[in-house]
Each structure stands twice: as C-alpha cells, then as structure tokens.
C-alpha cells in the first residue's frame, strides 16, 4: 500500500483497514510501517490481531 502525501507539521493519524493493495484481508501478524520525514526514513512494527 503506497500512499504519498505531504502534510503540514503536527499530529496526524492514518488508519489501516487490514486490507492489502488488492482489497483482500491480511492475516494476523507483524507488519512494518515506513515513512519519510524530511530526509529521514522511519520504520515501526505494527501487530495486527484478528
């Protein structure tokens, strides 16, 4: 899932519906969220429990 946008400084939330790029529900497990902030890249683990 690729969603590129430029947002102003501040708190932002991006909910994820647990679907892959084809709209199919993914299974429970660990997933990685990555984002670019300025010239820095940040990644964090997410856990999806169904």
PDB file of N, CA and C in Angstrom:
ATOM      1  N   UNK A   1       0.861  -1.156   0.000  1.00  0.00           N
ATOM      2  CA  UNK A   1       0.000   0.000   0.000  1.00  0.00           C
ATOM      3  C   UNK A   1       0.913   1.226   0.000  1.00  0.00           C
ATOM      4  N   UNK A   2       0.789   2.009  -1.036  1.00  0.00           N
ATOM      5  CA  UNK A   2       1.602   3.206  -1.103  1.00  0.00           C
ATOM      6  C   UNK A   2       0.691   4.410  -1.137  1.00  0.00           C
ATOM      7  N   UNK A   3       0.898   5.295  -0.200  1.00  0.00           N
ATOM      8  CA  UNK A   3       0.079   6.493  -0.116  1.00  0.00           C
ATOM      9  C   UNK A   3       1.017   7.654   0.144  1.00  0.00           C
ATOM     10  N   UNK A   4       1.326   8.412  -0.896  1.00  0.00           N
ATOM     11  CA  UNK A   4       2.262   9.528  -0.749  1.00  0.00           C
ATOM     12  C   UNK A   4       1.491  10.828  -0.638  1.00  0.00           C
ATOM     13  N   UNK A   5       1.838  11.603   0.356  1.00  0.00           N
ATOM     14  CA  UNK A   5       1.252  12.925   0.509  1.00  0.00           C
ATOM     15  C   UNK A   5       2.173  13.761   1.388  1.00  0.00           C
ATOM     16  N   UNK A   6       2.116  15.052   1.217  1.00  0.00           N
ATOM     17  CA  UNK A   6       2.882  15.972   2.048  1.00  0.00           C
ATOM     18  C   UNK A   6       1.896  16.655   2.978  1.00  0.00           C
ATOM     19  N   UNK A   7       2.177  16.578   4.271  1.00  0.00           N
ATOM     20  CA  UNK A   7       1.285  17.142   5.287  1.00  0.00           C
ATOM     21  C   UNK A   7       2.020  18.224   6.067  1.00  0.00           C
ATOM     22  N   UNK A   8       1.301  19.190   6.605  1.00  0.00           N
ATOM     23  CA  UNK A   8       1.945  20.201   7.440  1.00  0.00           C
ATOM     24  C   UNK A   8       2.413  19.584   8.761  1.00  0.00           C
ATOM     25  N   UNK A   9       3.287  20.286   9.457  1.00  0.00           N
ATOM     26  CA  UNK A   9       3.779  19.808  10.745  1.00  0.00           C
ATOM     27  C   UNK A   9       2.620  19.617  11.710  1.00  0.00           C
ATOM     28  N   UNK A  10       2.746  18.629  12.587  1.00  0.00           N
ATOM     29  CA  UNK A  10       1.711  18.381  13.575  1.00  0.00           C
ATOM     30  C   UNK A  10       1.396  16.906  13.690  1.00  0.00           C
ATOM     31  N   UNK A  11       0.401  16.589  14.500  1.00  0.00           N
ATOM     32  CA  UNK A  11      -0.022  15.203  14.718  1.00  0.00           C
ATOM     33  C   UNK A  11      -0.937  14.769  13.588  1.00  0.00           C
ATOM     34  N   UNK A  12      -0.678  13.580  13.060  1.00  0.00           N
ATOM     35  CA  UNK A  12      -1.513  13.018  12.003  1.00  0.00           C
ATOM     36  C   UNK A  12      -1.726  11.538  12.275  1.00  0.00           C
ATOM     37  N   UNK A  13      -2.876  11.024  11.918  1.00  0.00           N
ATOM     38  CA  UNK A  13      -3.182   9.600  12.081  1.00  0.00           C
ATOM     39  C   UNK A  13      -3.623   9.046  10.734  1.00  0.00           C
ATOM     40  N   UNK A  14      -3.224   7.817  10.462  1.00  0.00           N
ATOM     41  CA  UNK A  14      -3.617   7.148   9.223  1.00  0.00           C
ATOM     42  C   UNK A  14      -4.128   5.757   9.584  1.00  0.00           C
ATOM     43  N   UNK A  15      -5.432   5.583   9.660  1.00  0.00           N
ATOM     44  CA  UNK A  15      -5.954   4.250   9.983  1.00  0.00           C
ATOM     45  C   UNK A  15      -5.708   3.267   8.847  1.00  0.00           C
ATOM     46  N   UNK A  16      -5.557   2.005   9.210  1.00  0.00           N
ATOM     47  CA  UNK A  16      -5.373   0.942   8.218  1.00  0.00           C
ATOM     48  C   UNK A  16      -6.485  -0.067   8.438  1.00  0.00           C
ATOM     49  N   UNK A  17      -7.174  -0.421   7.379  1.00  0.00           N
ATOM     50  CA  UNK A  17      -8.313  -1.333   7.480  1.00  0.00           C
ATOM     51  C   UNK A  17      -7.933  -2.808   7.459  1.00  0.00           C
ATOM     52  N   UNK A  18      -6.645  -3.115   7.414  1.00  0.00           N
ATOM     53  CA  UNK A  18      -6.199  -4.511   7.426  1.00  0.00           C
ATOM     54  C   UNK A  18      -6.333  -5.199   6.082  1.00  0.00           C
ATOM     55  N   UNK A  19      -6.450  -4.407   5.016  1.00  0.00           N
ATOM     56  CA  UNK A  19      -6.553  -4.966   3.670  1.00  0.00           C
ATOM     57  C   UNK A  19      -5.256  -4.719   2.911  1.00  0.00           C
ATOM     58  N   UNK A  20      -4.944  -5.637   1.988  1.00  0.00           N
ATOM     59  CA  UNK A  20      -3.762  -5.427   1.154  1.00  0.00           C
ATOM     60  C   UNK A  20      -4.121  -4.539  -0.040  1.00  0.00           C
ATOM     61  N   UNK A  21      -3.184  -4.366  -0.958  1.00  0.00           N
ATOM     62  CA  UNK A  21      -3.410  -3.487  -2.112  1.00  0.00           C
ATOM     63  C   UNK A  21      -4.539  -3.962  -3.015  1.00  0.00           C
ATOM     64  N   UNK A  22      -4.872  -5.255  -2.953  1.00  0.00           N
ATOM     65  CA  UNK A  22      -5.957  -5.806  -3.774  1.00  0.00           C
ATOM     66  C   UNK A  22      -7.297  -5.822  -3.043  1.00  0.00           C
ATOM     67  N   UNK A  23      -7.324  -5.297  -1.814  1.00  0.00           N
ATOM     68  CA  UNK A  23      -8.562  -5.263  -1.051  1.00  0.00           C
ATOM     69  C   UNK A  23      -8.884  -6.549  -0.320  1.00  0.00           C
ATOM     70  N   UNK A  24      -7.899  -7.436  -0.199  1.00  0.00           N
ATOM     71  CA  UNK A  24      -8.084  -8.723   0.485  1.00  0.00           C
ATOM     72  C   UNK A  24      -7.573  -8.597   1.924  1.00  0.00           C
ATOM     73  N   UNK A  25      -8.325  -9.112   2.872  1.00  0.00           N
ATOM     74  CA  UNK A  25      -7.924  -9.052   4.278  1.00  0.00           C
ATOM     75  C   UNK A  25      -6.623  -9.827   4.495  1.00  0.00           C
ATOM     76  N   UNK A  26      -5.684  -9.204   5.208  1.00  0.00           N
ATOM     77  CA  UNK A  26      -4.421  -9.869   5.518  1.00  0.00           C
ATOM     78  C   UNK A  26      -4.573 -10.625   6.830  1.00  0.00           C
ATOM     79  N   UNK A  27      -3.687 -11.571   7.064  1.00  0.00           N
ATOM     80  CA  UNK A  27      -3.779 -12.379   8.277  1.00  0.00           C
ATOM     81  C   UNK A  27      -3.144 -11.661   9.460  1.00  0.00           C
ATOM     82  N   UNK A  28      -3.414 -12.181  10.640  1.00  0.00           N
ATOM     83  CA  UNK A  28      -2.784 -11.646  11.848  1.00  0.00           C
ATOM     84  C   UNK A  28      -1.282 -11.788  11.725  1.00  0.00           C
ATOM     85  N   UNK A  29      -0.544 -10.845  12.270  1.00  0.00           N
ATOM     86  CA  UNK A  29       0.912 -10.933  12.226  1.00  0.00           C
ATOM     87  C   UNK A  29       1.553  -9.576  12.408  1.00  0.00           C
ATOM     88  N   UNK A  30       2.868  -9.548  12.229  1.00  0.00           N
ATOM     89  CA  UNK A  30       3.634  -8.313  12.332  1.00  0.00           C
ATOM     90  C   UNK A  30       3.793  -7.699  10.955  1.00  0.00           C
ATOM     91  N   UNK A  31       3.626  -6.398  10.888  1.00  0.00           N
ATOM     92  CA  UNK A  31       3.784  -5.651   9.643  1.00  0.00           C
ATOM     93  C   UNK A  31       4.672  -4.456   9.931  1.00  0.00           C
ATOM     94  N   UNK A  32       5.284  -3.899   8.901  1.00  0.00           N
ATOM     95  CA  UNK A  32       6.176  -2.758   9.067  1.00  0.00           C
ATOM     96  C   UNK A  32       5.566  -1.548   8.374  1.00  0.00           C
ATOM     97  N   UNK A  33       5.508  -0.457   9.106  1.00  0.00           N
ATOM     98  CA  UNK A  33       5.053   0.823   8.571  1.00  0.00           C
ATOM     99  C   UNK A  33       6.299   1.680   8.381  1.00  0.00           C
ATOM    100  N   UNK A  34       6.482   2.244   7.200  1.00  0.00           N
ATOM    101  CA  UNK A  34       7.631   3.119   6.989  1.00  0.00           C
ATOM    102  C   UNK A  34       7.153   4.458   6.444  1.00  0.00           C
ATOM    103  N   UNK A  35       7.869   5.504   6.832  1.00  0.00           N
ATOM    104  CA  UNK A  35       7.519   6.836   6.360  1.00  0.00           C
ATOM    105  C   UNK A  35       8.777   7.673   6.240  1.00  0.00           C
ATOM    106  N   UNK A  36       8.696   8.665   5.373  1.00  0.00           N
ATOM    107  CA  UNK A  36       9.800   9.582   5.168  1.00  0.00           C
ATOM    108  C   UNK A  36       9.417  10.918   5.796  1.00  0.00           C
ATOM    109  N   UNK A  37      10.293  11.434   6.643  1.00  0.00           N
ATOM    110  CA  UNK A  37      10.080  12.723   7.289  1.00  0.00           C
ATOM    111  C   UNK A  37      11.293  13.580   6.945  1.00  0.00           C
ATOM    112  N   UNK A  38      11.096  14.558   6.081  1.00  0.00           N
ATOM    113  CA  UNK A  38      12.230  15.347   5.603  1.00  0.00           C
ATOM    114  C   UNK A  38      13.148  14.448   4.794  1.00  0.00           C
ATOM    115  N   UNK A  39      14.409  14.365   5.212  1.00  0.00           N
ATOM    116  CA  UNK A  39      15.348  13.474   4.525  1.00  0.00           C
ATOM    117  C   UNK A  39      15.517  12.161   5.282  1.00  0.00           C
ATOM    118  N   UNK A  40      14.794  11.999   6.388  1.00  0.00           N
ATOM    119  CA  UNK A  40      14.907  10.802   7.230  1.00  0.00           C
ATOM    120  C   UNK A  40      13.783   9.816   6.958  1.00  0.00           C
ATOM    121  N   UNK A  41      14.124   8.535   7.053  1.00  0.00           N
ATOM    122  CA  UNK A  41      13.129   7.475   6.945  1.00  0.00           C
ATOM    123  C   UNK A  41      12.916   6.862   8.323  1.00  0.00           C
ATOM    124  N   UNK A  42      11.681   6.581   8.654  1.00  0.00           N
ATOM    125  CA  UNK A  42      11.336   5.967   9.934  1.00  0.00           C
ATOM    126  C   UNK A  42      10.536   4.705   9.639  1.00  0.00           C
ATOM    127  N   UNK A  43      10.774   3.678  10.418  1.00  0.00           N
ATOM    128  CA  UNK A  43      10.019   2.428  10.284  1.00  0.00           C
ATOM    129  C   UNK A  43       9.618   1.959  11.670  1.00  0.00           C
ATOM    130  N   UNK A  44       8.437   1.364  11.748  1.00  0.00           N
ATOM    131  CA  UNK A  44       7.977   0.822  13.023  1.00  0.00           C
ATOM    132  C   UNK A  44       7.174  -0.441  12.768  1.00  0.00           C
ATOM    133  N   UNK A  45       7.211  -1.334  13.723  1.00  0.00           N
ATOM    134  CA  UNK A  45       6.425  -2.563  13.629  1.00  0.00           C
ATOM    135  C   UNK A  45       5.004  -2.310  14.071  1.00  0.00           C
ATOM    136  N   UNK A  46       4.079  -2.975  13.418  1.00  0.00           N
ATOM    137  CA  UNK A  46       2.675  -2.959  13.820  1.00  0.00           C
ATOM    138  C   UNK A  46       2.257  -4.404  13.988  1.00  0.00           C
ATOM    139  N   UNK A  47       1.382  -4.668  14.924  1.00  0.00           N
ATOM    140  CA  UNK A  47       0.861  -6.015  15.118  1.00  0.00           C
ATOM    141  C   UNK A  47      -0.629  -5.982  14.845  1.00  0.00           C
ATOM    142  N   UNK A  48      -1.069  -6.854  13.953  1.00  0.00           N
ATOM    143  CA  UNK A  48      -2.489  -6.972  13.624  1.00  0.00           C
ATOM    144  C   UNK A  48      -3.009  -8.268  14.228  1.00  0.00           C
ATOM    145  N   UNK A  49      -3.996  -8.142  15.112  1.00  0.00           N
ATOM    146  CA  UNK A  49      -4.624  -9.316  15.729  1.00  0.00           C
ATOM    147  C   UNK A  49      -6.066  -9.373  15.269  1.00  0.00           C
ATOM    148  N   UNK A  50      -6.473 -10.474  14.748  1.00  0.00           N
ATOM    149  CA  UNK A  50      -7.855 -10.647  14.285  1.00  0.00           C
ATOM    150  C   UNK A  50      -8.604 -11.559  15.226  1.00  0.00           C
TER     151      UNK A  50
END
